[in-house]
């Protein structure tokens, strides 16, 4: 699937796990066993966001950005992504300093997410904290393409 194609949700049945924050018509599933492990971790991450994640969430929640709904700390397959917009097949990741040391893992994760037909926007903590408008503009650009 190319970067500009979208999965055909008309032909893909909703995931059997759609009611638990998974799938929702997207052709991936998290196994129930893995879901039970990731679910409490995602909840904890929502309760303890980084400063940059919290600042960005205040601008994304309640469909504030171009009317698109975002979820935070959302499980996709075996990963928990920072923000996810199902309507736009968009993942937004806010990278702190630790990501300077995990570039290879981040690249593998991004390649996997893109193989599912998702777009990934990566933002640095500093960019969110010092220029929230610039960060939102980058996300809005992807939402509008």
N, C-alpha and C. Protein backbone atom coordinates (compact mmCIF):
# COMPACT_ATOMS: atom_id res chain seq x y z
N UNK A 1 0.85 -1.17 0.00
CA UNK A 1 0.00 0.00 0.00
C UNK A 1 0.89 1.24 0.00
N UNK A 2 0.62 2.15 -0.90
CA UNK A 2 1.45 3.35 -0.96
C UNK A 2 1.07 4.29 0.17
N UNK A 3 1.91 5.30 0.35
CA UNK A 3 1.72 6.25 1.45
C UNK A 3 0.41 7.02 1.32
N UNK A 4 -0.08 7.19 0.08
CA UNK A 4 -1.25 8.03 -0.12
C UNK A 4 -2.55 7.23 -0.23
N UNK A 5 -2.46 5.91 -0.25
CA UNK A 5 -3.66 5.09 -0.30
C UNK A 5 -4.17 4.85 1.11
N UNK A 6 -5.43 4.67 1.22
CA UNK A 6 -6.06 4.37 2.50
C UNK A 6 -6.59 2.95 2.45
N UNK A 7 -6.60 2.25 3.59
CA UNK A 7 -7.25 0.95 3.60
C UNK A 7 -8.72 1.12 3.24
N UNK A 8 -9.27 0.15 2.53
CA UNK A 8 -10.67 0.23 2.13
C UNK A 8 -11.53 -0.29 3.25
N UNK A 9 -12.05 0.63 4.07
CA UNK A 9 -12.82 0.22 5.24
C UNK A 9 -14.17 -0.36 4.85
N UNK A 10 -14.64 -0.12 3.58
CA UNK A 10 -15.91 -0.69 3.16
C UNK A 10 -15.83 -2.20 3.03
N UNK A 11 -14.65 -2.72 2.69
CA UNK A 11 -14.54 -4.15 2.47
C UNK A 11 -13.99 -4.89 3.69
N UNK A 12 -13.49 -4.15 4.66
CA UNK A 12 -12.94 -4.78 5.84
C UNK A 12 -13.96 -4.77 6.97
N UNK A 13 -14.33 -5.93 7.50
CA UNK A 13 -15.29 -5.93 8.59
C UNK A 13 -14.66 -5.32 9.84
N UNK A 14 -15.48 -4.74 10.70
CA UNK A 14 -14.94 -4.19 11.94
C UNK A 14 -14.26 -5.28 12.76
N UNK A 15 -13.23 -4.90 13.45
CA UNK A 15 -12.52 -5.82 14.31
C UNK A 15 -13.47 -6.34 15.38
N UNK A 16 -13.27 -7.59 15.78
CA UNK A 16 -14.08 -8.14 16.86
C UNK A 16 -13.76 -7.45 18.17
N UNK A 17 -12.66 -6.70 18.21
CA UNK A 17 -12.25 -6.00 19.42
C UNK A 17 -12.57 -4.51 19.35
N UNK A 18 -13.36 -4.10 18.36
CA UNK A 18 -13.58 -2.68 18.12
C UNK A 18 -14.14 -1.97 19.34
N UNK A 19 -14.95 -2.61 20.12
CA UNK A 19 -15.53 -1.98 21.29
C UNK A 19 -14.53 -1.77 22.41
N UNK A 20 -13.32 -2.32 22.29
CA UNK A 20 -12.31 -2.19 23.34
C UNK A 20 -11.18 -1.27 22.91
N UNK A 21 -11.46 -0.35 21.99
CA UNK A 21 -10.44 0.59 21.59
C UNK A 21 -9.53 0.07 20.51
N UNK A 22 -9.87 -1.06 19.92
CA UNK A 22 -9.03 -1.67 18.89
C UNK A 22 -9.80 -1.77 17.59
N UNK A 23 -9.08 -1.76 16.52
CA UNK A 23 -9.68 -2.01 15.22
C UNK A 23 -10.57 -0.89 14.76
N UNK A 24 -11.87 -1.02 14.97
CA UNK A 24 -12.80 -0.01 14.51
C UNK A 24 -12.89 0.04 13.00
N UNK A 25 -12.84 -1.13 12.34
CA UNK A 25 -12.91 -1.17 10.89
C UNK A 25 -11.55 -1.16 10.23
N UNK A 26 -10.50 -1.08 11.01
CA UNK A 26 -9.15 -1.11 10.47
C UNK A 26 -8.66 -2.55 10.55
N UNK A 27 -7.97 -3.03 9.50
CA UNK A 27 -7.65 -4.45 9.43
C UNK A 27 -6.48 -4.91 10.30
N UNK A 28 -6.47 -4.56 11.56
CA UNK A 28 -5.48 -5.12 12.47
C UNK A 28 -6.17 -5.44 13.78
N UNK A 29 -5.60 -6.35 14.49
CA UNK A 29 -6.15 -6.72 15.79
C UNK A 29 -5.01 -6.96 16.77
N UNK A 30 -5.29 -6.72 18.01
CA UNK A 30 -4.39 -7.09 19.08
C UNK A 30 -4.99 -8.33 19.71
N UNK A 31 -4.18 -9.34 19.93
CA UNK A 31 -4.72 -10.56 20.52
C UNK A 31 -5.27 -10.25 21.90
N UNK A 32 -6.30 -10.96 22.33
CA UNK A 32 -6.87 -10.70 23.66
C UNK A 32 -5.83 -10.80 24.77
N UNK A 33 -4.89 -11.74 24.65
CA UNK A 33 -3.87 -11.91 25.69
C UNK A 33 -2.97 -10.67 25.77
N UNK A 34 -2.53 -10.18 24.61
CA UNK A 34 -1.69 -8.99 24.57
C UNK A 34 -2.48 -7.76 24.99
N UNK A 35 -3.75 -7.67 24.57
CA UNK A 35 -4.62 -6.54 24.93
C UNK A 35 -4.73 -6.42 26.46
N UNK A 36 -4.86 -7.54 27.14
CA UNK A 36 -4.98 -7.51 28.59
C UNK A 36 -3.71 -6.98 29.26
N UNK A 37 -2.57 -7.13 28.60
CA UNK A 37 -1.32 -6.59 29.14
C UNK A 37 -1.14 -5.11 28.79
N UNK A 38 -1.55 -4.73 27.58
CA UNK A 38 -1.35 -3.35 27.13
C UNK A 38 -2.39 -2.38 27.68
N UNK A 39 -3.60 -2.87 27.92
CA UNK A 39 -4.69 -2.01 28.38
C UNK A 39 -4.34 -1.24 29.66
N UNK A 40 -3.86 -1.89 30.72
CA UNK A 40 -3.52 -1.12 31.92
C UNK A 40 -2.33 -0.19 31.72
N UNK A 41 -1.39 -0.58 30.85
CA UNK A 41 -0.25 0.28 30.57
C UNK A 41 -0.71 1.55 29.85
N UNK A 42 -1.60 1.40 28.88
CA UNK A 42 -2.13 2.57 28.17
C UNK A 42 -2.88 3.48 29.13
N UNK A 43 -3.67 2.91 30.02
CA UNK A 43 -4.38 3.71 31.03
C UNK A 43 -3.42 4.50 31.90
N UNK A 44 -2.37 3.83 32.35
CA UNK A 44 -1.38 4.48 33.19
C UNK A 44 -0.71 5.63 32.42
N UNK A 45 -0.39 5.39 31.16
CA UNK A 45 0.25 6.43 30.35
C UNK A 45 -0.68 7.62 30.14
N UNK A 46 -1.99 7.38 30.06
CA UNK A 46 -2.94 8.49 29.96
C UNK A 46 -2.99 9.30 31.25
N UNK A 47 -2.81 8.61 32.37
CA UNK A 47 -2.84 9.29 33.67
C UNK A 47 -1.55 10.03 33.99
N UNK A 48 -0.46 9.65 33.33
CA UNK A 48 0.85 10.24 33.62
C UNK A 48 1.52 10.74 32.33
N UNK A 49 0.88 11.69 31.62
CA UNK A 49 1.48 12.15 30.37
C UNK A 49 2.71 13.02 30.63
N UNK A 50 3.56 13.10 29.62
CA UNK A 50 4.66 14.05 29.69
C UNK A 50 4.07 15.45 29.55
N UNK A 51 4.83 16.45 29.88
CA UNK A 51 4.35 17.82 29.77
C UNK A 51 3.98 18.14 28.31
N UNK A 52 4.80 17.70 27.38
CA UNK A 52 4.52 17.95 25.96
C UNK A 52 3.25 17.23 25.51
N UNK A 53 3.08 15.97 25.94
CA UNK A 53 1.86 15.23 25.58
C UNK A 53 0.62 15.93 26.13
N UNK A 54 0.70 16.38 27.37
CA UNK A 54 -0.45 17.06 27.98
C UNK A 54 -0.77 18.36 27.25
N UNK A 55 0.25 19.12 26.89
CA UNK A 55 0.03 20.38 26.18
C UNK A 55 -0.62 20.13 24.82
N UNK A 56 -0.13 19.12 24.10
CA UNK A 56 -0.71 18.80 22.81
C UNK A 56 -2.13 18.26 22.96
N UNK A 57 -2.36 17.43 23.95
CA UNK A 57 -3.70 16.87 24.17
C UNK A 57 -4.72 17.98 24.41
N UNK A 58 -4.32 19.02 25.11
CA UNK A 58 -5.25 20.13 25.39
C UNK A 58 -5.71 20.81 24.09
N UNK A 59 -4.94 20.67 23.03
CA UNK A 59 -5.29 21.26 21.73
C UNK A 59 -5.95 20.27 20.77
N UNK A 60 -5.80 18.97 21.04
CA UNK A 60 -6.37 17.95 20.15
C UNK A 60 -7.71 17.41 20.64
N UNK A 61 -7.91 17.38 21.95
CA UNK A 61 -9.12 16.74 22.48
C UNK A 61 -10.38 17.50 22.06
N UNK A 62 -11.48 16.80 22.12
CA UNK A 62 -12.80 17.36 21.81
C UNK A 62 -12.89 17.93 20.40
N UNK A 63 -12.21 17.31 19.47
CA UNK A 63 -12.28 17.67 18.04
C UNK A 63 -11.91 19.12 17.77
N UNK A 64 -10.96 19.65 18.55
CA UNK A 64 -10.58 21.06 18.39
C UNK A 64 -9.78 21.34 17.12
N UNK A 65 -9.07 20.34 16.60
CA UNK A 65 -8.24 20.55 15.41
C UNK A 65 -9.00 20.09 14.17
N UNK A 66 -9.55 21.03 13.45
CA UNK A 66 -10.25 20.79 12.19
C UNK A 66 -11.40 19.79 12.32
N UNK A 67 -11.91 19.60 13.52
CA UNK A 67 -13.04 18.70 13.74
C UNK A 67 -12.69 17.23 13.78
N UNK A 68 -11.41 16.89 13.84
CA UNK A 68 -10.98 15.49 13.87
C UNK A 68 -10.89 15.00 15.31
N UNK A 69 -11.35 13.77 15.53
CA UNK A 69 -11.30 13.15 16.85
C UNK A 69 -9.98 12.41 17.02
N UNK A 70 -9.31 12.70 18.12
CA UNK A 70 -8.07 12.01 18.46
C UNK A 70 -8.26 11.20 19.73
N UNK A 71 -7.56 10.09 19.81
CA UNK A 71 -7.45 9.30 21.03
C UNK A 71 -6.01 9.43 21.50
N UNK A 72 -5.79 9.31 22.79
CA UNK A 72 -4.42 9.35 23.28
C UNK A 72 -4.05 8.02 23.90
N UNK A 73 -2.77 7.69 23.80
CA UNK A 73 -2.23 6.42 24.28
C UNK A 73 -3.13 5.28 23.80
N UNK A 74 -3.20 5.15 22.50
CA UNK A 74 -4.08 4.20 21.83
C UNK A 74 -3.30 2.97 21.38
N UNK A 75 -3.86 1.79 21.65
CA UNK A 75 -3.21 0.53 21.28
C UNK A 75 -3.47 0.22 19.80
N UNK A 76 -2.39 0.00 19.08
CA UNK A 76 -2.46 -0.47 17.69
C UNK A 76 -1.53 -1.67 17.60
N UNK A 77 -2.14 -2.82 17.37
CA UNK A 77 -1.42 -4.08 17.33
C UNK A 77 -0.64 -4.26 18.63
N UNK A 78 0.68 -4.22 18.58
CA UNK A 78 1.48 -4.43 19.80
C UNK A 78 2.09 -3.13 20.33
N UNK A 79 1.66 -2.01 19.77
CA UNK A 79 2.22 -0.71 20.17
C UNK A 79 1.16 0.17 20.82
N UNK A 80 1.63 1.08 21.66
CA UNK A 80 0.78 2.13 22.20
C UNK A 80 1.30 3.43 21.60
N UNK A 81 0.46 4.07 20.78
CA UNK A 81 0.87 5.31 20.13
C UNK A 81 0.38 6.49 20.97
N UNK A 82 1.08 7.62 20.88
CA UNK A 82 0.73 8.78 21.70
C UNK A 82 -0.66 9.31 21.36
N UNK A 83 -0.90 9.56 20.07
CA UNK A 83 -2.21 10.08 19.63
C UNK A 83 -2.58 9.38 18.34
N UNK A 84 -3.89 9.15 18.17
CA UNK A 84 -4.37 8.44 16.98
C UNK A 84 -5.68 9.05 16.53
N UNK A 85 -5.77 9.34 15.23
CA UNK A 85 -7.00 9.80 14.60
C UNK A 85 -7.41 8.74 13.59
N UNK A 86 -8.46 7.99 13.92
CA UNK A 86 -8.91 6.89 13.06
C UNK A 86 -9.41 7.40 11.72
N UNK A 87 -10.14 8.50 11.73
CA UNK A 87 -10.73 9.04 10.51
C UNK A 87 -9.66 9.37 9.46
N UNK A 88 -8.50 9.85 9.91
CA UNK A 88 -7.43 10.26 9.00
C UNK A 88 -6.31 9.23 8.92
N UNK A 89 -6.46 8.10 9.59
CA UNK A 89 -5.40 7.08 9.63
C UNK A 89 -4.07 7.71 10.04
N UNK A 90 -4.13 8.54 11.08
CA UNK A 90 -2.97 9.34 11.47
C UNK A 90 -2.53 9.02 12.89
N UNK A 91 -1.23 8.76 13.04
CA UNK A 91 -0.59 8.57 14.33
C UNK A 91 0.30 9.79 14.56
N UNK A 92 0.23 10.36 15.76
CA UNK A 92 1.11 11.46 16.14
C UNK A 92 1.93 10.98 17.33
N UNK A 93 3.25 11.04 17.16
CA UNK A 93 4.16 10.64 18.21
C UNK A 93 4.92 11.85 18.70
N UNK A 94 5.00 12.02 20.02
CA UNK A 94 5.75 13.10 20.63
C UNK A 94 7.00 12.49 21.25
N UNK A 95 8.14 12.84 20.69
CA UNK A 95 9.40 12.20 21.06
C UNK A 95 10.19 13.03 22.05
N UNK A 96 10.45 12.43 23.20
CA UNK A 96 11.31 13.05 24.21
C UNK A 96 12.76 12.66 23.97
N UNK A 97 13.61 13.04 24.89
CA UNK A 97 15.04 12.79 24.77
C UNK A 97 15.42 11.34 24.61
N UNK A 98 14.65 10.42 25.18
CA UNK A 98 14.95 9.00 25.10
C UNK A 98 15.00 8.53 23.64
N UNK A 99 14.25 9.21 22.78
CA UNK A 99 14.19 8.79 21.38
C UNK A 99 15.49 9.05 20.63
N UNK A 100 16.39 9.86 21.22
CA UNK A 100 17.72 10.04 20.63
C UNK A 100 18.49 8.72 20.65
N UNK A 101 18.13 7.83 21.56
CA UNK A 101 18.82 6.56 21.74
C UNK A 101 18.05 5.36 21.18
N UNK A 102 16.85 5.61 20.69
CA UNK A 102 16.02 4.51 20.19
C UNK A 102 15.63 4.72 18.73
N UNK A 103 16.48 5.35 17.96
CA UNK A 103 16.13 5.68 16.58
C UNK A 103 15.86 4.45 15.73
N UNK A 104 16.63 3.39 15.92
CA UNK A 104 16.40 2.18 15.13
C UNK A 104 15.06 1.55 15.49
N UNK A 105 14.75 1.45 16.77
CA UNK A 105 13.47 0.90 17.19
C UNK A 105 12.31 1.77 16.70
N UNK A 106 12.50 3.08 16.77
CA UNK A 106 11.46 4.00 16.29
C UNK A 106 11.22 3.82 14.80
N UNK A 107 12.29 3.63 14.03
CA UNK A 107 12.16 3.44 12.59
C UNK A 107 11.41 2.14 12.27
N UNK A 108 11.69 1.08 13.00
CA UNK A 108 11.00 -0.20 12.81
C UNK A 108 9.52 -0.05 13.15
N UNK A 109 9.25 0.60 14.26
CA UNK A 109 7.87 0.84 14.69
C UNK A 109 7.12 1.67 13.65
N UNK A 110 7.75 2.74 13.17
CA UNK A 110 7.10 3.59 12.17
C UNK A 110 6.85 2.82 10.88
N UNK A 111 7.82 2.03 10.45
CA UNK A 111 7.64 1.23 9.23
C UNK A 111 6.47 0.26 9.39
N UNK A 112 6.36 -0.35 10.57
CA UNK A 112 5.24 -1.27 10.82
C UNK A 112 3.91 -0.52 10.75
N UNK A 113 3.82 0.63 11.43
CA UNK A 113 2.57 1.40 11.43
C UNK A 113 2.20 1.84 10.01
N UNK A 114 3.20 2.26 9.25
CA UNK A 114 2.94 2.66 7.87
C UNK A 114 2.52 1.48 7.01
N UNK A 115 2.99 0.28 7.33
CA UNK A 115 2.59 -0.91 6.58
C UNK A 115 1.10 -1.22 6.79
N UNK A 116 0.53 -0.68 7.86
CA UNK A 116 -0.91 -0.83 8.12
C UNK A 116 -1.73 0.23 7.39
N UNK A 117 -1.05 1.11 6.66
CA UNK A 117 -1.75 2.17 5.94
C UNK A 117 -1.89 3.45 6.75
N UNK A 118 -1.15 3.55 7.85
CA UNK A 118 -1.22 4.73 8.70
C UNK A 118 -0.13 5.72 8.33
N UNK A 119 -0.42 6.98 8.56
CA UNK A 119 0.58 8.03 8.43
C UNK A 119 1.09 8.34 9.82
N UNK A 120 2.37 8.62 9.94
CA UNK A 120 2.97 8.91 11.23
C UNK A 120 3.60 10.30 11.18
N UNK A 121 3.19 11.16 12.11
CA UNK A 121 3.81 12.47 12.27
C UNK A 121 4.59 12.42 13.58
N UNK A 122 5.87 12.73 13.50
CA UNK A 122 6.73 12.74 14.69
C UNK A 122 7.03 14.19 15.06
N UNK A 123 6.84 14.49 16.33
CA UNK A 123 7.13 15.82 16.86
C UNK A 123 8.09 15.67 18.02
N UNK A 124 8.98 16.62 18.17
CA UNK A 124 9.89 16.61 19.32
C UNK A 124 9.22 17.33 20.48
N UNK A 125 9.49 16.85 21.69
CA UNK A 125 8.98 17.49 22.90
C UNK A 125 9.19 19.00 22.85
N UNK A 126 10.44 19.40 22.53
CA UNK A 126 10.79 20.82 22.54
C UNK A 126 9.92 21.62 21.59
N UNK A 127 9.62 21.04 20.42
CA UNK A 127 8.79 21.74 19.43
C UNK A 127 7.37 21.94 19.95
N UNK A 128 6.84 20.95 20.63
CA UNK A 128 5.50 21.07 21.19
C UNK A 128 5.49 22.12 22.31
N UNK A 129 6.51 22.06 23.15
CA UNK A 129 6.55 22.97 24.30
C UNK A 129 6.86 24.41 23.91
N UNK A 130 7.68 24.62 22.88
CA UNK A 130 8.08 25.98 22.53
C UNK A 130 7.27 26.58 21.39
N UNK A 131 6.66 25.72 20.57
CA UNK A 131 5.89 26.22 19.42
C UNK A 131 4.71 25.30 19.16
N UNK A 132 3.73 25.37 20.03
CA UNK A 132 2.55 24.50 19.88
C UNK A 132 1.83 24.78 18.57
N UNK A 133 1.81 26.06 18.14
CA UNK A 133 1.14 26.39 16.88
C UNK A 133 1.84 25.71 15.70
N UNK A 134 3.16 25.67 15.71
CA UNK A 134 3.90 24.99 14.65
C UNK A 134 3.63 23.49 14.65
N UNK A 135 3.54 22.90 15.83
CA UNK A 135 3.24 21.47 15.94
C UNK A 135 1.83 21.19 15.40
N UNK A 136 0.88 22.02 15.77
CA UNK A 136 -0.50 21.85 15.29
C UNK A 136 -0.60 22.05 13.78
N UNK A 137 0.19 22.97 13.26
CA UNK A 137 0.21 23.21 11.82
C UNK A 137 0.71 21.98 11.07
N UNK A 138 1.72 21.33 11.61
CA UNK A 138 2.27 20.12 10.99
C UNK A 138 1.21 19.01 10.98
N UNK A 139 0.49 18.86 12.08
CA UNK A 139 -0.57 17.85 12.15
C UNK A 139 -1.70 18.21 11.20
N UNK A 140 -2.11 19.48 11.19
CA UNK A 140 -3.20 19.94 10.33
C UNK A 140 -2.86 19.73 8.85
N UNK A 141 -1.61 19.96 8.50
CA UNK A 141 -1.18 19.75 7.12
C UNK A 141 -1.43 18.30 6.70
N UNK A 142 -1.09 17.35 7.56
CA UNK A 142 -1.29 15.94 7.25
C UNK A 142 -2.78 15.61 7.22
N UNK A 143 -3.55 16.19 8.13
CA UNK A 143 -4.99 15.93 8.15
C UNK A 143 -5.66 16.40 6.86
N UNK A 144 -5.16 17.47 6.28
CA UNK A 144 -5.76 18.05 5.09
C UNK A 144 -5.27 17.43 3.79
N UNK A 145 -4.21 16.57 3.86
CA UNK A 145 -3.73 15.96 2.62
C UNK A 145 -4.45 14.70 2.28
